Protein backbone atom coordinates (compact mmCIF):
# COMPACT_ATOMS: atom_id res chain seq x y z
CA MET A 1 74.55 137.95 104.98
CA ARG A 2 78.24 139.01 105.64
CA ASP A 3 77.11 140.08 109.30
CA LEU A 4 76.21 136.14 109.73
CA SER A 5 79.55 135.71 108.33
CA ARG A 6 81.19 138.00 111.08
CA ASP A 7 79.22 136.24 113.84
CA LEU A 8 80.58 133.04 112.23
CA LEU A 9 83.82 134.02 112.55
CA GLU A 10 83.71 135.83 116.12
CA TRP A 11 82.69 132.01 117.37
CA TYR A 12 85.31 130.31 115.46
CA ASP A 13 87.86 132.61 117.14
CA ILE A 14 86.82 131.05 120.78
CA HIS A 15 85.91 127.73 119.59
CA ALA A 16 88.56 126.57 116.58
CA ARG A 17 88.57 122.62 116.92
CA ALA A 18 92.66 122.09 116.95
CA MET A 19 93.66 119.93 114.09
CA PRO A 20 97.54 118.83 113.24
CA TRP A 21 96.75 120.07 110.25
CA ARG A 22 95.08 123.67 110.74
CA VAL A 23 96.94 127.04 111.70
CA PRO A 24 94.56 128.06 114.56
CA PRO A 25 92.90 131.57 114.25
CA GLU A 26 95.00 133.68 116.22
CA ASP A 27 98.21 133.10 114.22
CA ARG A 28 95.85 132.99 110.46
CA LYS A 29 95.21 136.52 111.56
CA ALA A 30 99.25 137.47 111.81
CA GLY A 31 99.68 136.30 108.47
CA VAL A 32 100.59 132.39 108.92
CA LEU A 33 98.96 129.99 106.39
CA PRO A 34 99.20 126.32 106.49
CA ASP A 35 101.12 123.98 104.25
CA PRO A 36 98.81 123.26 101.13
CA TYR A 37 100.62 119.48 101.28
CA GLY A 38 98.90 119.15 104.40
CA VAL A 39 95.50 120.59 103.37
CA TRP A 40 95.38 118.92 100.51
CA LEU A 41 96.37 115.60 102.28
CA SER A 42 93.72 115.83 104.97
CA GLU A 43 91.03 116.69 102.67
CA VAL A 44 91.35 113.79 100.84
CA MET A 45 91.78 111.80 103.69
CA LEU A 46 88.57 113.24 105.16
CA GLN A 47 86.24 112.43 102.14
CA GLN A 48 84.02 109.61 103.60
CA THR A 49 86.06 109.50 106.63
CA THR A 50 85.81 110.89 110.04
CA VAL A 51 88.52 113.48 111.65
CA ALA A 52 89.15 111.22 114.69
CA ALA A 53 90.05 108.37 112.29
CA VAL A 54 92.08 110.60 109.77
CA ARG A 55 94.44 112.22 112.58
CA ASP A 56 96.88 109.59 112.82
CA TYR A 57 96.99 108.27 108.87
CA TRP A 58 97.86 112.17 108.35
CA ARG A 59 100.59 112.11 110.86
CA LYS A 60 101.75 108.63 109.64
CA PHE A 61 101.93 110.27 106.19
CA THR A 62 103.76 113.67 106.82
CA GLY A 63 105.88 111.78 108.97
CA ILE A 64 106.99 109.37 106.44
CA TRP A 65 106.64 112.05 103.27
CA PRO A 66 107.03 115.52 104.71
CA THR A 67 106.69 117.18 101.25
CA VAL A 68 104.78 116.67 98.06
CA SER A 69 107.97 115.66 96.44
CA ASP A 70 108.30 112.52 98.69
CA LEU A 71 105.12 111.35 98.16
CA ALA A 72 105.32 111.41 94.59
CA ALA A 73 108.73 109.86 94.85
CA ALA A 74 106.95 106.99 96.84
CA GLU A 75 106.64 103.80 95.91
CA ASP A 76 102.72 103.07 95.16
CA ALA A 77 103.11 99.84 97.10
CA ASP A 78 104.20 101.65 100.07
CA VAL A 79 101.52 104.32 99.93
CA MET A 80 98.96 101.80 99.51
CA ALA A 81 100.04 99.88 102.45
CA ALA A 82 100.32 103.43 104.45
CA TRP A 83 96.52 103.50 103.34
CA ALA A 84 95.42 100.39 104.49
CA GLY A 85 92.48 100.41 106.84
CA LEU A 86 91.47 103.64 105.89
CA GLY A 87 89.16 102.79 103.14
CA TYR A 88 88.04 104.12 99.75
CA TYR A 89 91.40 102.94 98.67
CA ALA A 90 90.92 105.06 94.88
CA ARG A 91 91.32 108.03 97.04
CA ALA A 92 94.99 106.73 97.37
CA ARG A 93 95.91 106.10 93.83
CA ASN A 94 94.45 109.18 93.17
CA LEU A 95 96.72 110.62 96.03
CA LEU A 96 99.62 109.72 94.02
CA LYS A 97 98.16 110.57 91.10
CA CYS A 98 98.24 114.46 92.00
CA ALA A 99 101.57 114.45 93.66
CA ARG A 100 103.34 113.23 90.87
CA THR A 101 101.82 115.91 88.17
CA ILE A 102 101.91 118.25 90.99
CA VAL A 103 105.70 117.55 90.89
CA ALA A 104 105.70 117.16 87.25
CA ASP A 105 103.99 119.73 85.93
CA HIS A 106 103.74 122.57 88.68
CA ASP A 107 107.36 122.61 89.81
CA GLY A 108 106.34 121.15 93.35
CA ALA A 109 103.88 123.68 94.22
CA PHE A 110 100.12 123.66 94.41
CA PRO A 111 98.59 126.21 92.37
CA SER A 112 96.36 128.48 94.39
CA ASP A 113 93.44 128.82 92.15
CA TYR A 114 90.04 127.30 92.00
CA ASP A 115 90.28 126.55 87.93
CA THR A 116 93.87 125.28 88.18
CA LEU A 117 93.33 122.85 91.16
CA LEU A 118 90.63 121.17 89.66
CA THR A 119 92.45 120.10 87.05
CA LEU A 120 94.63 117.95 89.01
CA PRO A 121 94.02 114.01 89.54
CA GLY A 122 91.55 113.28 91.83
CA ILE A 123 90.57 116.57 92.77
CA GLY A 124 86.57 117.60 92.52
CA PRO A 125 84.99 120.78 93.49
CA TYR A 126 84.57 120.69 97.07
CA THR A 127 88.98 119.48 97.62
CA ALA A 128 89.36 122.60 94.86
CA ALA A 129 87.61 125.11 97.07
CA ALA A 130 88.91 123.96 100.11
CA VAL A 131 92.28 124.22 99.45
CA ALA A 132 92.07 127.57 97.68
CA ALA A 133 90.24 128.59 100.52
CA ILE A 134 91.86 126.99 103.26
CA ALA A 135 95.70 126.84 102.28
CA PHE A 136 95.53 130.19 100.30
CA ASP A 137 92.68 132.44 102.04
CA ARG A 138 90.88 132.44 98.34
CA PRO A 139 87.24 133.45 98.66
CA ALA A 140 86.67 129.89 97.49
CA THR A 141 83.11 127.99 98.98
CA VAL A 142 83.12 124.79 100.12
CA LEU A 143 80.08 122.56 100.30
CA ASP A 144 80.37 118.99 102.34
CA GLY A 145 76.97 117.33 104.03
CA ASN A 146 78.33 119.66 107.01
CA VAL A 147 77.88 122.74 105.38
CA GLU A 148 74.64 121.25 103.35
CA ARG A 149 72.97 120.85 106.75
CA VAL A 150 73.76 124.09 108.09
CA MET A 151 72.35 126.07 104.88
CA ALA A 152 69.20 123.76 104.34
CA ARG A 153 68.40 124.61 108.03
CA LEU A 154 69.49 128.21 108.34
CA HIS A 155 67.49 128.66 105.33
CA ASP A 156 64.52 126.26 105.79
CA GLU A 157 65.24 124.74 102.35
CA HIS A 158 63.24 121.36 102.27
CA THR A 159 64.19 120.90 98.73
CA PRO A 160 65.56 116.76 98.98
CA LEU A 161 69.17 116.24 98.67
CA PRO A 162 70.58 115.88 95.84
CA ALA A 163 68.12 118.42 93.91
CA ALA A 164 69.16 120.75 96.70
CA LYS A 165 72.68 120.93 96.00
CA SER A 166 72.91 124.16 93.31
CA LEU A 167 70.45 125.66 95.78
CA LEU A 168 72.70 125.16 98.57
CA MET A 169 75.76 126.18 97.24
CA ALA A 170 74.32 129.21 96.07
CA ARG A 171 73.28 130.01 100.06
CA ALA A 172 76.91 128.68 100.74
CA GLY A 173 78.49 131.01 98.12
CA ALA A 174 76.20 134.09 99.17
CA LEU A 175 78.01 133.80 103.07
CA THR A 176 81.41 133.70 102.09
CA PRO A 177 83.43 136.45 102.62
CA ASN A 178 86.21 137.39 100.73
CA GLU A 179 88.41 138.39 103.74
CA ARG A 180 89.54 135.45 106.23
CA ALA A 181 88.20 133.16 103.82
CA GLY A 182 90.11 130.17 104.75
CA ASP A 183 89.31 130.69 108.43
CA TYR A 184 85.37 130.94 107.37
CA ALA A 185 85.30 127.57 105.29
CA GLN A 186 86.65 126.07 108.52
CA ALA A 187 84.56 127.74 110.81
CA VAL A 188 81.15 126.87 108.91
CA MET A 189 82.43 123.33 108.82
CA ASP A 190 83.27 123.10 112.55
CA LEU A 191 79.59 124.53 113.18
CA GLY A 192 78.08 121.56 111.44
CA ALA A 193 80.44 119.20 113.04
CA THR A 194 80.14 120.62 116.40
CA ILE A 195 76.96 122.30 117.10
CA CYS A 196 74.64 121.80 114.06
CA THR A 197 74.80 118.31 114.41
CA PRO A 198 72.65 115.71 112.33
CA LYS A 199 70.52 114.29 115.73
CA SER A 200 70.16 116.98 118.18
CA PRO A 201 71.62 120.17 117.05
CA ALA A 202 72.70 122.48 119.82
CA CYS A 203 70.19 125.30 118.56
CA GLY A 204 70.72 127.48 121.99
CA ILE A 205 74.38 127.59 121.78
CA CYS A 206 74.75 128.28 118.25
CA PRO A 207 75.72 131.59 116.71
CA TRP A 208 73.49 131.49 113.50
CA ARG A 209 70.80 130.91 116.34
CA ARG A 210 68.43 134.07 115.99
CA PRO A 211 68.55 134.16 112.04
CA CYS A 212 67.75 130.62 112.09
CA ALA A 213 64.80 129.63 109.66
CA ALA A 214 64.55 126.26 110.85
CA ARG A 215 64.98 126.83 114.51
CA ILE A 216 62.23 129.19 113.94
CA ALA A 217 59.79 126.63 112.09
CA GLY A 218 60.38 124.22 114.26
CA THR A 219 61.91 121.67 111.66
CA ALA A 220 65.83 121.98 112.17
CA ALA A 221 65.61 118.08 113.39
CA GLU A 222 64.14 117.03 110.16
CA LEU A 223 66.37 118.55 107.72
CA PRO A 224 68.52 118.56 105.33
CA ARG A 225 66.14 116.17 103.32
CA LYS A 226 67.18 113.43 101.66
CA THR A 227 65.94 111.31 98.50
CA PRO A 228 65.78 107.68 99.72
CA ARG A 229 68.36 105.77 98.43
CA LYS A 230 68.06 102.28 96.74
CA LYS A 231 68.43 99.12 98.26
CA VAL A 232 72.24 98.06 98.67
CA PRO A 233 72.63 94.77 96.67
CA THR A 234 75.00 92.01 98.33
CA ARG A 235 77.70 90.23 96.62
CA ARG A 236 79.08 86.76 97.58
CA GLY A 237 83.09 85.32 96.92
CA ILE A 238 85.29 83.27 98.31
CA ALA A 239 88.16 84.27 100.26
CA TYR A 240 91.72 81.80 100.31
CA LEU A 241 93.83 81.79 103.25
CA VAL A 242 96.74 79.98 102.52
CA ARG A 243 99.97 79.38 104.80
CA ARG A 244 103.08 77.76 103.63
CA ASN A 245 104.60 75.17 106.19
CA ASP A 246 107.75 77.40 106.82
CA GLY A 247 104.79 80.31 108.21
CA ALA A 248 104.46 82.06 105.13
CA TRP A 249 101.30 83.95 104.03
CA LEU A 250 99.61 83.76 99.99
CA VAL A 251 98.71 87.31 99.25
CA GLU A 252 98.53 89.01 95.78
CA THR A 253 98.19 92.25 94.32
CA ARG A 254 94.90 93.35 93.53
CA PRO A 255 94.42 94.88 89.61
CA ASP A 256 94.46 98.74 89.35
CA LYS A 257 90.73 99.03 88.58
CA GLY A 258 88.04 98.13 90.43
CA MET A 259 87.55 97.67 94.14
CA LEU A 260 90.51 97.83 96.45
CA GLY A 261 92.72 98.30 93.22
CA GLY A 262 96.60 98.46 94.11
CA MET A 263 96.00 96.79 97.43
CA GLN A 264 97.52 93.87 98.89
CA GLY A 265 95.17 90.84 99.82
CA PHE A 266 94.39 87.70 99.96
CA PRO A 267 93.30 85.79 96.58
CA THR A 268 89.63 85.74 96.36
CA SER A 269 86.97 84.49 93.93
CA ALA A 270 84.99 86.57 91.83
CA TRP A 271 82.38 88.94 93.97
CA ASP A 272 79.25 88.22 92.20
CA ASP A 273 75.40 86.73 92.79
CA ASP A 274 77.06 83.17 92.14
CA PRO A 275 80.79 83.07 92.73
CA GLN A 276 82.51 79.73 91.05
CA PRO A 277 85.75 78.24 92.97
CA ASP A 278 89.10 79.51 92.13
CA PRO A 279 91.74 78.37 94.17
CA PRO A 280 94.89 79.97 93.78
CA VAL A 281 96.82 76.59 94.44
CA ASP A 282 96.10 72.78 94.01
CA ALA A 283 95.31 71.87 97.88
CA ASP A 284 93.41 70.26 100.25
CA TRP A 285 90.54 73.14 101.17
CA THR A 286 89.14 73.30 104.24
CA ASP A 287 85.79 75.04 104.39
CA THR A 288 85.66 76.73 107.60
CA GLY A 289 82.11 77.72 107.72
CA ILE A 290 83.05 81.31 108.65
CA GLU A 291 81.95 84.60 106.50
CA ALA A 292 83.45 87.69 106.28
CA ARG A 293 81.05 90.37 105.81
CA HIS A 294 82.06 94.06 104.57
CA THR A 295 80.09 97.15 103.12
CA PHE A 296 81.22 99.13 100.47
CA THR A 297 80.02 102.13 99.16
CA HIS A 298 77.31 100.74 96.56
CA PHE A 299 77.03 96.93 97.62
CA HIS A 300 78.12 94.74 100.46
CA LEU A 301 80.13 91.54 100.21
CA HIS A 302 80.13 88.08 102.03
CA LEU A 303 83.22 86.16 101.76
CA ALA A 304 82.98 82.33 102.57
CA ILE A 305 86.48 81.97 103.97
CA GLN A 306 88.78 78.20 102.52
CA THR A 307 92.02 77.87 104.27
CA ALA A 308 94.90 75.23 103.30
CA VAL A 309 98.54 74.81 104.35
CA VAL A 310 100.96 73.75 101.43
CA LYS A 311 104.48 72.49 101.21
CA ASP A 312 107.58 74.41 100.52
CA GLY A 313 107.46 73.47 96.76
CA ASP A 314 103.78 73.78 95.94
CA VAL A 315 103.70 76.64 93.21
CA PRO A 316 100.27 79.25 93.26
CA ARG A 317 99.01 79.94 89.89
CA ARG A 318 98.80 83.71 91.42
CA GLY A 319 100.29 85.44 94.17
CA ARG A 320 103.10 85.45 96.14
CA PHE A 321 104.40 83.88 99.47
CA VAL A 322 105.43 86.54 102.12
CA PRO A 323 107.58 85.17 104.63
CA PRO A 324 106.31 85.70 108.67
CA ALA A 325 108.90 88.74 109.14
CA ALA A 326 107.76 90.66 106.16
CA PHE A 327 103.83 89.91 106.57
CA SER A 328 101.86 92.97 108.50
CA PRO A 329 98.07 91.91 108.74
CA ALA A 330 98.18 96.07 109.72
CA ALA A 331 99.14 96.76 105.78
CA LEU A 332 96.29 94.88 104.69
CA PRO A 333 92.55 96.53 103.62
CA THR A 334 90.10 96.38 106.10
CA LEU A 335 88.25 93.39 104.47
CA PHE A 336 91.43 91.15 104.45
CA ARG A 337 92.12 91.88 107.76
CA LYS A 338 88.62 90.63 108.93
CA VAL A 339 89.73 87.82 107.03
CA PHE A 340 92.98 86.96 108.54
CA ASP A 341 91.23 87.83 112.06
CA LEU A 342 88.70 85.21 111.58
CA ALA A 343 90.21 82.49 110.01
CA SER A 344 94.12 82.66 110.56
CA ALA A 345 93.83 81.08 113.98
CA THR A 346 93.32 77.76 112.35
CA LEU A 347 96.32 77.77 110.26
CA ARG A 348 98.61 78.97 112.82
CA HIS A 349 101.89 76.70 113.99
CA ASP A 350 103.65 76.66 116.92
């Protein structure tokens, strides 16, 4: 099995993907290790998100907050605004909690061992293993979706996920080398992302094509098997898009707990099966007939959009008016950018 690790590392030395947070294999061989802060930041951002989407966000964050201490000292609203559009906003809240814990409890230095990393806010088994391996060359076993797929095919494992996770973890652990653990962790993820892809895997150029049991059995394309998901429910609500006659927009900060917690957005009603009107200000409301649709992890959301223009003296029951110069749609979560793009034209003034 260790020969497989060696073969994969030889492939990685030639085919490693270039990423802004990654140290190339030739530099790692010379003893250069990446900044643990950059590795951790990339791994948190990459959860449920593609590499292509993360690159610019990672550069933006490290440009504004170059160190974990800088991030820990940042204003919550600034971090949430910078995260806008990346989705899964609990990650941003945990990002701040973790940065502040590292500064307060670890003198601003990331712990290098898996068990201590696992105690930090927002860090689960995968992220702890990834940081320990990639940032510190500890022989920790990473198991993300790419690695699950590679292991299922390499061993022709037909037990469906998520039940197969422990089996695939054991398979992955048996291959994790003591030497070059960080490069190996990145290599096996690269293999899944570029060669052993979900559809049409490129078995002919795979460094593990000879020992791959699924290739031999002709079952690679159907693995890994997954337990069918339950039907995702649909919730409904009303989004209130309000512009004051001086051009200011009405926004509110959502509660810390719940969907889009701590993010800035437009006022809405509750999101449920039968939403009741809950306008944030007394106004002559217009039902636009437009609906913004968005999918979260566990449900679909349909927001009917209502609009109004109010006078300078009108006081909202919740939220605050933001003048045009301080209002940026780009700082809104994707859901509210959809609302803005769909309906704001009806409220614009020359």
